Structure formats: structure tokens, C-alpha cells
Amino acid sequence: MKRFLLYLFRWQCSSPILILCLAWLPFGPLLGTVISNLIGGTAFFWFDKFIFTSKSLSTEWEVKRNVECCDCGHVGRGYRVRRAKGYDRTKVIPLYRCEGCSTRKADEIGLLY
């Protein structure tokens, strides 16, 4: 959700470039739009790269089938958080939880999914 909201904000920031190009360039609307998109793409490339690749904006979940929940013992699809902001469990023995227990645990630790 954070990525989506940042992307929408970024998209709105490109609107002034479009307006300026259409108003100032001596071309028709089609060529003016193409030029403004090239300028906007150049200007916002690094910001877009951050939005879509930043580890700090995402929670990395791992999902497996036919595992036993470490909390309630239910066998089925299991979930675990591998990495989140300030949380890294990539080098430990994984403990999986069923959907209900993983949601409860995420709420307990204040994790946004």
C-alpha cells in the first residue's frame, strides 16, 4: 500500500511537466505529450526505482504448503515474515504459522502487511 501511495504521488508530480510542455513547446498535443513523458521519465527514473525496489517499503513474506503451524499445530499453508523494516529472519530456522496465527502475530508486533 505504501508503494502504491508513493507511486500515485509521484505520478501527480509529473503533471506540471506535461502542462508546461504542452503550453510552451511549439508542437501539437501528441508530440508535446511524448516529449513531456521523455522528460518526466528522465526526471523520475530514480524515484520510481526506489519505489519499486526499496526493501524499506516492503514486508517480505514466505509461504509454504503442508507445514505445521508453530502456534496452533494446524497443518496446511504456512506463512512467515522473512524481512521487514527493522526485522530480518533470513538466517534463522523458519517457523511457519497458519493464516490466522500469522495475522494475529503480525498485529501483535505492529507489522503492516
PDB file of N, CA and C in Angstrom:
ATOM      1  N   MET A   1       0.822  -1.192   0.000  1.00  0.00           N
ATOM      2  CA  MET A   1       0.000   0.000   0.000  1.00  0.00           C
ATOM      3  C   MET A   1       0.871   1.264   0.000  1.00  0.00           C
ATOM      4  N   LYS A   2       1.989   1.208   0.767  1.00  0.00           N
ATOM      5  CA  LYS A   2       2.888   2.361   0.795  1.00  0.00           C
ATOM      6  C   LYS A   2       3.457   2.638  -0.590  1.00  0.00           C
ATOM      7  N   ARG A   3       3.850   1.569  -1.290  1.00  0.00           N
ATOM      8  CA  ARG A   3       4.389   1.736  -2.641  1.00  0.00           C
ATOM      9  C   ARG A   3       3.353   2.372  -3.560  1.00  0.00           C
ATOM     10  N   PHE A   4       2.135   1.901  -3.476  1.00  0.00           N
ATOM     11  CA  PHE A   4       1.073   2.408  -4.342  1.00  0.00           C
ATOM     12  C   PHE A   4       0.819   3.896  -4.081  1.00  0.00           C
ATOM     13  N   LEU A   5       0.744   4.292  -2.817  1.00  0.00           N
ATOM     14  CA  LEU A   5       0.514   5.702  -2.491  1.00  0.00           C
ATOM     15  C   LEU A   5       1.681   6.581  -2.933  1.00  0.00           C
ATOM     16  N   LEU A   6       2.912   6.099  -2.743  1.00  0.00           N
ATOM     17  CA  LEU A   6       4.073   6.856  -3.225  1.00  0.00           C
ATOM     18  C   LEU A   6       4.046   6.991  -4.739  1.00  0.00           C
ATOM     19  N   TYR A   7       3.661   5.911  -5.410  1.00  0.00           N
ATOM     20  CA  TYR A   7       3.601   5.942  -6.867  1.00  0.00           C
ATOM     21  C   TYR A   7       2.533   6.925  -7.350  1.00  0.00           C
ATOM     22  N   LEU A   8       1.378   6.945  -6.706  1.00  0.00           N
ATOM     23  CA  LEU A   8       0.342   7.908  -7.081  1.00  0.00           C
ATOM     24  C   LEU A   8       0.813   9.343  -6.867  1.00  0.00           C
ATOM     25  N   PHE A   9       1.502   9.586  -5.757  1.00  0.00           N
ATOM     26  CA  PHE A   9       2.052  10.915  -5.501  1.00  0.00           C
ATOM     27  C   PHE A   9       3.059  11.288  -6.586  1.00  0.00           C
ATOM     28  N   ARG A  10       3.946  10.358  -6.906  1.00  0.00           N
ATOM     29  CA  ARG A  10       4.949  10.597  -7.941  1.00  0.00           C
ATOM     30  C   ARG A  10       4.280  10.879  -9.286  1.00  0.00           C
ATOM     31  N   TRP A  11       3.252  10.146  -9.588  1.00  0.00           N
ATOM     32  CA  TRP A  11       2.539  10.325 -10.855  1.00  0.00           C
ATOM     33  C   TRP A  11       1.957  11.737 -10.940  1.00  0.00           C
ATOM     34  N   GLN A  12       1.420  12.225  -9.843  1.00  0.00           N
ATOM     35  CA  GLN A  12       0.866  13.581  -9.830  1.00  0.00           C
ATOM     36  C   GLN A  12       1.961  14.631  -9.983  1.00  0.00           C
ATOM     37  N   CYS A  13       3.156  14.340  -9.504  1.00  0.00           N
ATOM     38  CA  CYS A  13       4.273  15.281  -9.648  1.00  0.00           C
ATOM     39  C   CYS A  13       4.685  15.460 -11.106  1.00  0.00           C
ATOM     40  N   SER A  14       4.342  14.496 -11.955  1.00  0.00           N
ATOM     41  CA  SER A  14       4.699  14.622 -13.372  1.00  0.00           C
ATOM     42  C   SER A  14       3.696  15.475 -14.150  1.00  0.00           C
ATOM     43  N   SER A  15       2.568  15.776 -13.556  1.00  0.00           N
ATOM     44  CA  SER A  15       1.557  16.587 -14.253  1.00  0.00           C
ATOM     45  C   SER A  15       2.047  17.981 -14.631  1.00  0.00           C
ATOM     46  N   PRO A  16       2.769  18.696 -13.750  1.00  0.00           N
ATOM     47  CA  PRO A  16       3.272  20.010 -14.160  1.00  0.00           C
ATOM     48  C   PRO A  16       4.201  19.953 -15.375  1.00  0.00           C
ATOM     49  N   ILE A  17       4.985  18.875 -15.497  1.00  0.00           N
ATOM     50  CA  ILE A  17       5.860  18.731 -16.665  1.00  0.00           C
ATOM     51  C   ILE A  17       5.014  18.637 -17.927  1.00  0.00           C
ATOM     52  N   LEU A  18       3.956  17.854 -17.867  1.00  0.00           N
ATOM     53  CA  LEU A  18       3.063  17.713 -19.019  1.00  0.00           C
ATOM     54  C   LEU A  18       2.434  19.058 -19.383  1.00  0.00           C
ATOM     55  N   ILE A  19       1.935  19.759 -18.399  1.00  0.00           N
ATOM     56  CA  ILE A  19       1.284  21.045 -18.651  1.00  0.00           C
ATOM     57  C   ILE A  19       2.264  22.037 -19.260  1.00  0.00           C
ATOM     58  N   LEU A  20       3.472  22.130 -18.694  1.00  0.00           N
ATOM     59  CA  LEU A  20       4.468  23.069 -19.219  1.00  0.00           C
ATOM     60  C   LEU A  20       4.878  22.732 -20.647  1.00  0.00           C
ATOM     61  N   CYS A  21       5.077  21.447 -20.917  1.00  0.00           N
ATOM     62  CA  CYS A  21       5.464  21.049 -22.280  1.00  0.00           C
ATOM     63  C   CYS A  21       4.359  21.351 -23.286  1.00  0.00           C
ATOM     64  N   LEU A  22       3.138  21.094 -22.909  1.00  0.00           N
ATOM     65  CA  LEU A  22       2.032  21.366 -23.829  1.00  0.00           C
ATOM     66  C   LEU A  22       1.844  22.864 -24.044  1.00  0.00           C
ATOM     67  N   ALA A  23       2.100  23.654 -23.014  1.00  0.00           N
ATOM     68  CA  ALA A  23       1.898  25.097 -23.115  1.00  0.00           C
ATOM     69  C   ALA A  23       3.063  25.792 -23.825  1.00  0.00           C
ATOM     70  N   TRP A  24       4.292  25.350 -23.620  1.00  0.00           N
ATOM     71  CA  TRP A  24       5.453  26.085 -24.110  1.00  0.00           C
ATOM     72  C   TRP A  24       6.047  25.551 -25.404  1.00  0.00           C
ATOM     73  N   LEU A  25       5.939  24.249 -25.630  1.00  0.00           N
ATOM     74  CA  LEU A  25       6.564  23.701 -26.831  1.00  0.00           C
ATOM     75  C   LEU A  25       5.700  23.993 -28.063  1.00  0.00           C
ATOM     76  N   PRO A  26       6.344  24.324 -29.176  1.00  0.00           N
ATOM     77  CA  PRO A  26       5.583  24.691 -30.379  1.00  0.00           C
ATOM     78  C   PRO A  26       5.152  23.483 -31.206  1.00  0.00           C
ATOM     79  N   PHE A  27       4.775  22.412 -30.542  1.00  0.00           N
ATOM     80  CA  PHE A  27       4.349  21.198 -31.232  1.00  0.00           C
ATOM     81  C   PHE A  27       2.881  20.934 -30.916  1.00  0.00           C
ATOM     82  N   GLY A  28       2.309  19.993 -31.611  1.00  0.00           N
ATOM     83  CA  GLY A  28       0.937  19.594 -31.328  1.00  0.00           C
ATOM     84  C   GLY A  28       0.861  18.812 -30.033  1.00  0.00           C
ATOM     85  N   PRO A  29      -0.357  18.485 -29.592  1.00  0.00           N
ATOM     86  CA  PRO A  29      -0.519  17.789 -28.308  1.00  0.00           C
ATOM     87  C   PRO A  29       0.136  16.404 -28.275  1.00  0.00           C
ATOM     88  N   LEU A  30       0.138  15.688 -29.389  1.00  0.00           N
ATOM     89  CA  LEU A  30       0.724  14.349 -29.391  1.00  0.00           C
ATOM     90  C   LEU A  30       2.236  14.415 -29.183  1.00  0.00           C
ATOM     91  N   LEU A  31       2.923  15.214 -29.971  1.00  0.00           N
ATOM     92  CA  LEU A  31       4.374  15.322 -29.838  1.00  0.00           C
ATOM     93  C   LEU A  31       4.750  15.988 -28.505  1.00  0.00           C
ATOM     94  N   GLY A  32       3.977  16.964 -28.067  1.00  0.00           N
ATOM     95  CA  GLY A  32       4.221  17.591 -26.766  1.00  0.00           C
ATOM     96  C   GLY A  32       4.098  16.603 -25.623  1.00  0.00           C
ATOM     97  N   THR A  33       3.118  15.708 -25.709  1.00  0.00           N
ATOM     98  CA  THR A  33       2.941  14.679 -24.681  1.00  0.00           C
ATOM     99  C   THR A  33       4.093  13.690 -24.678  1.00  0.00           C
ATOM    100  N   VAL A  34       4.534  13.289 -25.869  1.00  0.00           N
ATOM    101  CA  VAL A  34       5.672  12.366 -25.975  1.00  0.00           C
ATOM    102  C   VAL A  34       6.918  13.000 -25.362  1.00  0.00           C
ATOM    103  N   ILE A  35       7.175  14.241 -25.698  1.00  0.00           N
ATOM    104  CA  ILE A  35       8.359  14.935 -25.157  1.00  0.00           C
ATOM    105  C   ILE A  35       8.245  15.086 -23.642  1.00  0.00           C
ATOM    106  N   SER A  36       7.064  15.438 -23.144  1.00  0.00           N
ATOM    107  CA  SER A  36       6.907  15.588 -21.691  1.00  0.00           C
ATOM    108  C   SER A  36       7.092  14.251 -20.982  1.00  0.00           C
ATOM    109  N   ASN A  37       6.644  13.162 -21.599  1.00  0.00           N
ATOM    110  CA  ASN A  37       6.854  11.844 -20.986  1.00  0.00           C
ATOM    111  C   ASN A  37       8.334  11.469 -20.969  1.00  0.00           C
ATOM    112  N   LEU A  38       9.076  11.842 -22.003  1.00  0.00           N
ATOM    113  CA  LEU A  38      10.523  11.588 -22.009  1.00  0.00           C
ATOM    114  C   LEU A  38      11.219  12.402 -20.922  1.00  0.00           C
ATOM    115  N   ILE A  39      10.834  13.652 -20.775  1.00  0.00           N
ATOM    116  CA  ILE A  39      11.413  14.487 -19.716  1.00  0.00           C
ATOM    117  C   ILE A  39      11.041  13.935 -18.341  1.00  0.00           C
ATOM    118  N   GLY A  40       9.759  13.606 -18.145  1.00  0.00           N
ATOM    119  CA  GLY A  40       9.306  13.056 -16.863  1.00  0.00           C
ATOM    120  C   GLY A  40       9.960  11.728 -16.541  1.00  0.00           C
ATOM    121  N   GLY A  41      10.109  10.864 -17.550  1.00  0.00           N
ATOM    122  CA  GLY A  41      10.770   9.575 -17.336  1.00  0.00           C
ATOM    123  C   GLY A  41      12.209   9.750 -16.903  1.00  0.00           C
ATOM    124  N   THR A  42      12.889  10.732 -17.508  1.00  0.00           N
ATOM    125  CA  THR A  42      14.267  11.022 -17.130  1.00  0.00           C
ATOM    126  C   THR A  42      14.333  11.590 -15.706  1.00  0.00           C
ATOM    127  N   ALA A  43      13.413  12.475 -15.398  1.00  0.00           N
ATOM    128  CA  ALA A  43      13.421  13.123 -14.077  1.00  0.00           C
ATOM    129  C   ALA A  43      13.051  12.163 -12.953  1.00  0.00           C
ATOM    130  N   PHE A  44      12.103  11.267 -13.200  1.00  0.00           N
ATOM    131  CA  PHE A  44      11.570  10.429 -12.122  1.00  0.00           C
ATOM    132  C   PHE A  44      12.072   8.994 -12.121  1.00  0.00           C
ATOM    133  N   PHE A  45      13.014   8.653 -13.001  1.00  0.00           N
ATOM    134  CA  PHE A  45      13.514   7.286 -13.079  1.00  0.00           C
ATOM    135  C   PHE A  45      14.025   6.777 -11.724  1.00  0.00           C
ATOM    136  N   TRP A  46      14.855   7.563 -11.050  1.00  0.00           N
ATOM    137  CA  TRP A  46      15.462   7.116  -9.794  1.00  0.00           C
ATOM    138  C   TRP A  46      14.431   7.016  -8.678  1.00  0.00           C
ATOM    139  N   PHE A  47      13.467   7.915  -8.684  1.00  0.00           N
ATOM    140  CA  PHE A  47      12.420   7.844  -7.673  1.00  0.00           C
ATOM    141  C   PHE A  47      11.562   6.598  -7.889  1.00  0.00           C
ATOM    142  N   ASP A  48      11.226   6.307  -9.144  1.00  0.00           N
ATOM    143  CA  ASP A  48      10.465   5.091  -9.451  1.00  0.00           C
ATOM    144  C   ASP A  48      11.258   3.847  -9.062  1.00  0.00           C
ATOM    145  N   LYS A  49      12.556   3.865  -9.341  1.00  0.00           N
ATOM    146  CA  LYS A  49      13.394   2.720  -8.977  1.00  0.00           C
ATOM    147  C   LYS A  49      13.358   2.496  -7.463  1.00  0.00           C
ATOM    148  N   PHE A  50      13.433   3.580  -6.694  1.00  0.00           N
ATOM    149  CA  PHE A  50      13.341   3.461  -5.237  1.00  0.00           C
ATOM    150  C   PHE A  50      11.993   2.876  -4.823  1.00  0.00           C
ATOM    151  N   ILE A  51      10.904   3.371  -5.412  1.00  0.00           N
ATOM    152  CA  ILE A  51       9.570   2.905  -5.045  1.00  0.00           C
ATOM    153  C   ILE A  51       9.443   1.401  -5.263  1.00  0.00           C
ATOM    154  N   PHE A  52       9.934   0.912  -6.395  1.00  0.00           N
ATOM    155  CA  PHE A  52       9.691  -0.483  -6.741  1.00  0.00           C
ATOM    156  C   PHE A  52      10.763  -1.465  -6.292  1.00  0.00           C
ATOM    157  N   THR A  53      11.892  -0.975  -5.771  1.00  0.00           N
ATOM    158  CA  THR A  53      12.934  -1.910  -5.340  1.00  0.00           C
ATOM    159  C   THR A  53      13.343  -1.750  -3.880  1.00  0.00           C
ATOM    160  N   SER A  54      12.865  -0.744  -3.210  1.00  0.00           N
ATOM    161  CA  SER A  54      13.289  -0.478  -1.843  1.00  0.00           C
ATOM    162  C   SER A  54      12.824  -1.566  -0.881  1.00  0.00           C
ATOM    163  N   LYS A  55      13.768  -2.112  -0.143  1.00  0.00           N
ATOM    164  CA  LYS A  55      13.434  -3.106   0.875  1.00  0.00           C
ATOM    165  C   LYS A  55      12.743  -2.452   2.071  1.00  0.00           C
ATOM    166  N   SER A  56      13.011  -1.168   2.285  1.00  0.00           N
ATOM    167  CA  SER A  56      12.428  -0.496   3.450  1.00  0.00           C
ATOM    168  C   SER A  56      10.929  -0.248   3.293  1.00  0.00           C
ATOM    169  N   LEU A  57      10.408  -0.365   2.085  1.00  0.00           N
ATOM    170  CA  LEU A  57       8.982  -0.140   1.863  1.00  0.00           C
ATOM    171  C   LEU A  57       8.158  -1.423   1.874  1.00  0.00           C
ATOM    172  N   SER A  58       8.825  -2.554   1.987  1.00  0.00           N
ATOM    173  CA  SER A  58       8.060  -3.788   1.841  1.00  0.00           C
ATOM    174  C   SER A  58       8.291  -4.762   2.984  1.00  0.00           C
ATOM    175  N   THR A  59       7.349  -5.636   3.139  1.00  0.00           N
ATOM    176  CA  THR A  59       7.464  -6.768   4.044  1.00  0.00           C
ATOM    177  C   THR A  59       7.578  -8.003   3.170  1.00  0.00           C
ATOM    178  N   GLU A  60       8.621  -8.770   3.368  1.00  0.00           N
ATOM    179  CA  GLU A  60       8.850  -9.961   2.561  1.00  0.00           C
ATOM    180  C   GLU A  60       8.311 -11.184   3.298  1.00  0.00           C
ATOM    181  N   TRP A  61       7.274 -11.780   2.734  1.00  0.00           N
ATOM    182  CA  TRP A  61       6.657 -12.965   3.318  1.00  0.00           C
ATOM    183  C   TRP A  61       7.131 -14.206   2.583  1.00  0.00           C
ATOM    184  N   GLU A  62       7.153 -15.326   3.286  1.00  0.00           N
ATOM    185  CA  GLU A  62       7.420 -16.619   2.676  1.00  0.00           C
ATOM    186  C   GLU A  62       6.208 -17.504   2.963  1.00  0.00           C
ATOM    187  N   VAL A  63       5.751 -18.205   1.939  1.00  0.00           N
ATOM    188  CA  VAL A  63       4.571 -19.066   2.069  1.00  0.00           C
ATOM    189  C   VAL A  63       4.957 -20.473   1.630  1.00  0.00           C
ATOM    190  N   LYS A  64       4.571 -21.470   2.436  1.00  0.00           N
ATOM    191  CA  LYS A  64       4.822 -22.873   2.093  1.00  0.00           C
ATOM    192  C   LYS A  64       3.552 -23.683   2.307  1.00  0.00           C
ATOM    193  N   ARG A  65       3.450 -24.750   1.572  1.00  0.00           N
ATOM    194  CA  ARG A  65       2.307 -25.655   1.718  1.00  0.00           C
ATOM    195  C   ARG A  65       2.668 -26.804   2.658  1.00  0.00           C
ATOM    196  N   ASN A  66       1.644 -27.364   3.256  1.00  0.00           N
ATOM    197  CA  ASN A  66       1.780 -28.557   4.102  1.00  0.00           C
ATOM    198  C   ASN A  66       2.829 -28.402   5.200  1.00  0.00           C
ATOM    199  N   VAL A  67       2.708 -27.341   5.972  1.00  0.00           N
ATOM    200  CA  VAL A  67       3.580 -27.150   7.126  1.00  0.00           C
ATOM    201  C   VAL A  67       2.711 -27.070   8.379  1.00  0.00           C
ATOM    202  N   GLU A  68       3.329 -27.342   9.507  1.00  0.00           N
ATOM    203  CA  GLU A  68       2.610 -27.298  10.778  1.00  0.00           C
ATOM    204  C   GLU A  68       2.789 -25.920  11.402  1.00  0.00           C
ATOM    205  N   CYS A  69       1.683 -25.330  11.822  1.00  0.00           N
ATOM    206  CA  CYS A  69       1.714 -24.023  12.479  1.00  0.00           C
ATOM    207  C   CYS A  69       2.440 -24.165  13.812  1.00  0.00           C
ATOM    208  N   CYS A  70       3.404 -23.297  14.055  1.00  0.00           N
ATOM    209  CA  CYS A  70       4.184 -23.381  15.294  1.00  0.00           C
ATOM    210  C   CYS A  70       3.377 -22.923  16.511  1.00  0.00           C
ATOM    211  N   ASP A  71       2.229 -22.277  16.300  1.00  0.00           N
ATOM    212  CA  ASP A  71       1.396 -21.823  17.418  1.00  0.00           C
ATOM    213  C   ASP A  71       0.260 -22.789  17.736  1.00  0.00           C
ATOM    214  N   CYS A  72      -0.508 -23.161  16.714  1.00  0.00           N
ATOM    215  CA  CYS A  72      -1.705 -23.970  16.990  1.00  0.00           C
ATOM    216  C   CYS A  72      -1.616 -25.409  16.494  1.00  0.00           C
ATOM    217  N   GLY A  73      -0.594 -25.725  15.691  1.00  0.00           N
ATOM    218  CA  GLY A  73      -0.418 -27.091  15.222  1.00  0.00           C
ATOM    219  C   GLY A  73      -1.199 -27.434  13.969  1.00  0.00           C
ATOM    220  N   HIS A  74      -1.963 -26.513  13.422  1.00  0.00           N
ATOM    221  CA  HIS A  74      -2.734 -26.760  12.193  1.00  0.00           C
ATOM    222  C   HIS A  74      -1.769 -27.052  11.045  1.00  0.00           C
ATOM    223  N   VAL A  75      -2.080 -28.081  10.241  1.00  0.00           N
ATOM    224  CA  VAL A  75      -1.255 -28.428   9.087  1.00  0.00           C
ATOM    225  C   VAL A  75      -1.937 -27.886   7.837  1.00  0.00           C
ATOM    226  N   GLY A  76      -1.195 -27.166   7.044  1.00  0.00           N
ATOM    227  CA  GLY A  76      -1.718 -26.563   5.828  1.00  0.00           C
ATOM    228  C   GLY A  76      -0.738 -25.523   5.314  1.00  0.00           C
ATOM    229  N   ARG A  77      -1.284 -24.502   4.678  1.00  0.00           N
ATOM    230  CA  ARG A  77      -0.434 -23.427   4.174  1.00  0.00           C
ATOM    231  C   ARG A  77       0.119 -22.628   5.349  1.00  0.00           C
ATOM    232  N   GLY A  78       1.445 -22.408   5.321  1.00  0.00           N
ATOM    233  CA  GLY A  78       2.098 -21.689   6.410  1.00  0.00           C
ATOM    234  C   GLY A  78       2.749 -20.408   5.920  1.00  0.00           C
ATOM    235  N   TYR A  79       2.760 -19.413   6.780  1.00  0.00           N
ATOM    236  CA  TYR A  79       3.300 -18.095   6.453  1.00  0.00           C
ATOM    237  C   TYR A  79       4.362 -17.710   7.477  1.00  0.00           C
ATOM    238  N   ARG A  80       5.332 -16.943   7.001  1.00  0.00           N
ATOM    239  CA  ARG A  80       6.283 -16.338   7.916  1.00  0.00           C
ATOM    240  C   ARG A  80       6.813 -15.057   7.284  1.00  0.00           C
ATOM    241  N   VAL A  81       7.176 -14.113   8.117  1.00  0.00           N
ATOM    242  CA  VAL A  81       7.804 -12.890   7.639  1.00  0.00           C
ATOM    243  C   VAL A  81       9.304 -13.131   7.620  1.00  0.00           C
ATOM    244  N   ARG A  82       9.890 -12.987   6.436  1.00  0.00           N
ATOM    245  CA  ARG A  82      11.345 -13.144   6.308  1.00  0.00           C
ATOM    246  C   ARG A  82      12.067 -11.853   6.643  1.00  0.00           C
ATOM    247  N   ARG A  83      11.532 -10.738   6.119  1.00  0.00           N
ATOM    248  CA  ARG A  83      12.227  -9.466   6.297  1.00  0.00           C
ATOM    249  C   ARG A  83      11.198  -8.340   6.281  1.00  0.00           C
ATOM    250  N   ALA A  84      11.394  -7.399   7.183  1.00  0.00           N
ATOM    251  CA  ALA A  84      10.595  -6.179   7.232  1.00  0.00           C
ATOM    252  C   ALA A  84      11.498  -5.093   7.800  1.00  0.00           C
ATOM    253  N   LYS A  85      11.017  -3.889   7.840  1.00  0.00           N
ATOM    254  CA  LYS A  85      11.824  -2.794   8.368  1.00  0.00           C
ATOM    255  C   LYS A  85      12.179  -3.089   9.831  1.00  0.00           C
ATOM    256  N   GLY A  86      13.472  -3.177  10.116  1.00  0.00           N
ATOM    257  CA  GLY A  86      13.938  -3.472  11.467  1.00  0.00           C
ATOM    258  C   GLY A  86      13.757  -4.924  11.887  1.00  0.00           C
ATOM    259  N   TYR A  87      13.507  -5.825  10.930  1.00  0.00           N
ATOM    260  CA  TYR A  87      13.222  -7.222  11.250  1.00  0.00           C
ATOM    261  C   TYR A  87      13.828  -8.076  10.145  1.00  0.00           C
ATOM    262  N   ASP A  88      14.758  -8.983  10.493  1.00  0.00           N
ATOM    263  CA  ASP A  88      15.381  -9.843   9.489  1.00  0.00           C
ATOM    264  C   ASP A  88      15.502 -11.252  10.041  1.00  0.00           C
ATOM    265  N   ARG A  89      14.748 -12.167   9.469  1.00  0.00           N
ATOM    266  CA  ARG A  89      14.782 -13.572   9.892  1.00  0.00           C
ATOM    267  C   ARG A  89      15.196 -14.461   8.721  1.00  0.00           C
ATOM    268  N   THR A  90      16.119 -13.968   7.899  1.00  0.00           N
ATOM    269  CA  THR A  90      16.534 -14.735   6.732  1.00  0.00           C
ATOM    270  C   THR A  90      17.567 -15.804   7.067  1.00  0.00           C
ATOM    271  N   LYS A  91      18.210 -15.698   8.214  1.00  0.00           N
ATOM    272  CA  LYS A  91      19.278 -16.642   8.557  1.00  0.00           C
ATOM    273  C   LYS A  91      18.946 -17.498   9.776  1.00  0.00           C
ATOM    274  N   VAL A  92      17.670 -17.667  10.065  1.00  0.00           N
ATOM    275  CA  VAL A  92      17.264 -18.492  11.196  1.00  0.00           C
ATOM    276  C   VAL A  92      16.392 -19.643  10.695  1.00  0.00           C
ATOM    277  N   ILE A  93      16.219 -20.636  11.535  1.00  0.00           N
ATOM    278  CA  ILE A  93      15.338 -21.743  11.187  1.00  0.00           C
ATOM    279  C   ILE A  93      13.912 -21.198  11.127  1.00  0.00           C
ATOM    280  N   PRO A  94      13.235 -21.387   9.999  1.00  0.00           N
ATOM    281  CA  PRO A  94      11.912 -20.775   9.841  1.00  0.00           C
ATOM    282  C   PRO A  94      10.836 -21.442  10.687  1.00  0.00           C
ATOM    283  N   LEU A  95       9.979 -20.603  11.267  1.00  0.00           N
ATOM    284  CA  LEU A  95       8.785 -21.058  11.971  1.00  0.00           C
ATOM    285  C   LEU A  95       7.591 -20.510  11.206  1.00  0.00           C
ATOM    286  N   TYR A  96       6.729 -21.414  10.765  1.00  0.00           N
ATOM    287  CA  TYR A  96       5.579 -21.006   9.967  1.00  0.00           C
ATOM    288  C   TYR A  96       4.330 -20.984  10.820  1.00  0.00           C
ATOM    289  N   ARG A  97       3.415 -20.107  10.468  1.00  0.00           N
ATOM    290  CA  ARG A  97       2.129 -20.005  11.151  1.00  0.00           C
ATOM    291  C   ARG A  97       1.014 -20.112  10.124  1.00  0.00           C
ATOM    292  N   CYS A  98      -0.123 -20.642  10.543  1.00  0.00           N
ATOM    293  CA  CYS A  98      -1.292 -20.665   9.679  1.00  0.00           C
ATOM    294  C   CYS A  98      -1.753 -19.218   9.462  1.00  0.00           C
ATOM    295  N   GLU A  99      -2.706 -19.027   8.589  1.00  0.00           N
ATOM    296  CA  GLU A  99      -3.134 -17.663   8.261  1.00  0.00           C
ATOM    297  C   GLU A  99      -3.640 -16.896   9.478  1.00  0.00           C
ATOM    298  N   GLY A 100      -4.450 -17.534  10.283  1.00  0.00           N
ATOM    299  CA  GLY A 100      -4.999 -16.867  11.466  1.00  0.00           C
ATOM    300  C   GLY A 100      -3.922 -16.482  12.462  1.00  0.00           C
ATOM    301  N   CYS A 101      -3.009 -17.420  12.747  1.00  0.00           N
ATOM    302  CA  CYS A 101      -1.950 -17.143  13.717  1.00  0.00           C
ATOM    303  C   CYS A 101      -0.950 -16.124  13.182  1.00  0.00           C
ATOM    304  N   SER A 102      -0.672 -16.158  11.874  1.00  0.00           N
ATOM    305  CA  SER A 102       0.279 -15.188  11.318  1.00  0.00           C
ATOM    306  C   SER A 102      -0.319 -13.787  11.321  1.00  0.00           C
ATOM    307  N   THR A 103      -1.608 -13.665  11.080  1.00  0.00           N
ATOM    308  CA  THR A 103      -2.272 -12.362  11.138  1.00  0.00           C
ATOM    309  C   THR A 103      -2.248 -11.831  12.565  1.00  0.00           C
ATOM    310  N   ARG A 104      -2.537 -12.712  13.529  1.00  0.00           N
ATOM    311  CA  ARG A 104      -2.511 -12.322  14.936  1.00  0.00           C
ATOM    312  C   ARG A 104      -1.111 -11.861  15.359  1.00  0.00           C
ATOM    313  N   LYS A 105      -0.090 -12.614  14.949  1.00  0.00           N
ATOM    314  CA  LYS A 105       1.288 -12.281  15.300  1.00  0.00           C
ATOM    315  C   LYS A 105       1.710 -10.950  14.649  1.00  0.00           C
ATOM    316  N   ALA A 106       1.338 -10.750  13.398  1.00  0.00           N
ATOM    317  CA  ALA A 106       1.673  -9.501  12.709  1.00  0.00           C
ATOM    318  C   ALA A 106       1.020  -8.310  13.411  1.00  0.00           C
ATOM    319  N   ASP A 107      -0.212  -8.489  13.859  1.00  0.00           N
ATOM    320  CA  ASP A 107      -0.887  -7.414  14.603  1.00  0.00           C
ATOM    321  C   ASP A 107      -0.198  -7.138  15.934  1.00  0.00           C
ATOM    322  N   GLU A 108       0.248  -8.203  16.602  1.00  0.00           N
ATOM    323  CA  GLU A 108       0.926  -8.054  17.896  1.00  0.00           C
ATOM    324  C   GLU A 108       2.200  -7.224  17.784  1.00  0.00           C
ATOM    325  N   ILE A 109       2.984  -7.482  16.726  1.00  0.00           N
ATOM    326  CA  ILE A 109       4.264  -6.780  16.591  1.00  0.00           C
ATOM    327  C   ILE A 109       4.128  -5.492  15.775  1.00  0.00           C
ATOM    328  N   GLY A 110       2.900  -5.160  15.367  1.00  0.00           N
ATOM    329  CA  GLY A 110       2.669  -3.913  14.645  1.00  0.00           C
ATOM    330  C   GLY A 110       3.171  -3.923  13.223  1.00  0.00           C
ATOM    331  N   LEU A 111       3.139  -5.077  12.589  1.00  0.00           N
ATOM    332  CA  LEU A 111       3.644  -5.228  11.234  1.00  0.00           C
ATOM    333  C   LEU A 111       2.550  -4.899  10.232  1.00  0.00           C
ATOM    334  N   LEU A 112       2.891  -4.057   9.271  1.00  0.00           N
ATOM    335  CA  LEU A 112       1.952  -3.765   8.186  1.00  0.00           C
ATOM    336  C   LEU A 112       2.183  -4.759   7.071  1.00  0.00           C
ATOM    337  N   TYR A 113       1.141  -5.377   6.616  1.00  0.00           N
ATOM    338  CA  TYR A 113       1.324  -6.288   5.509  1.00  0.00           C
ATOM    339  C   TYR A 113       0.823  -5.609   4.317  1.00  0.00           C
TER     340      TYR A 113
END
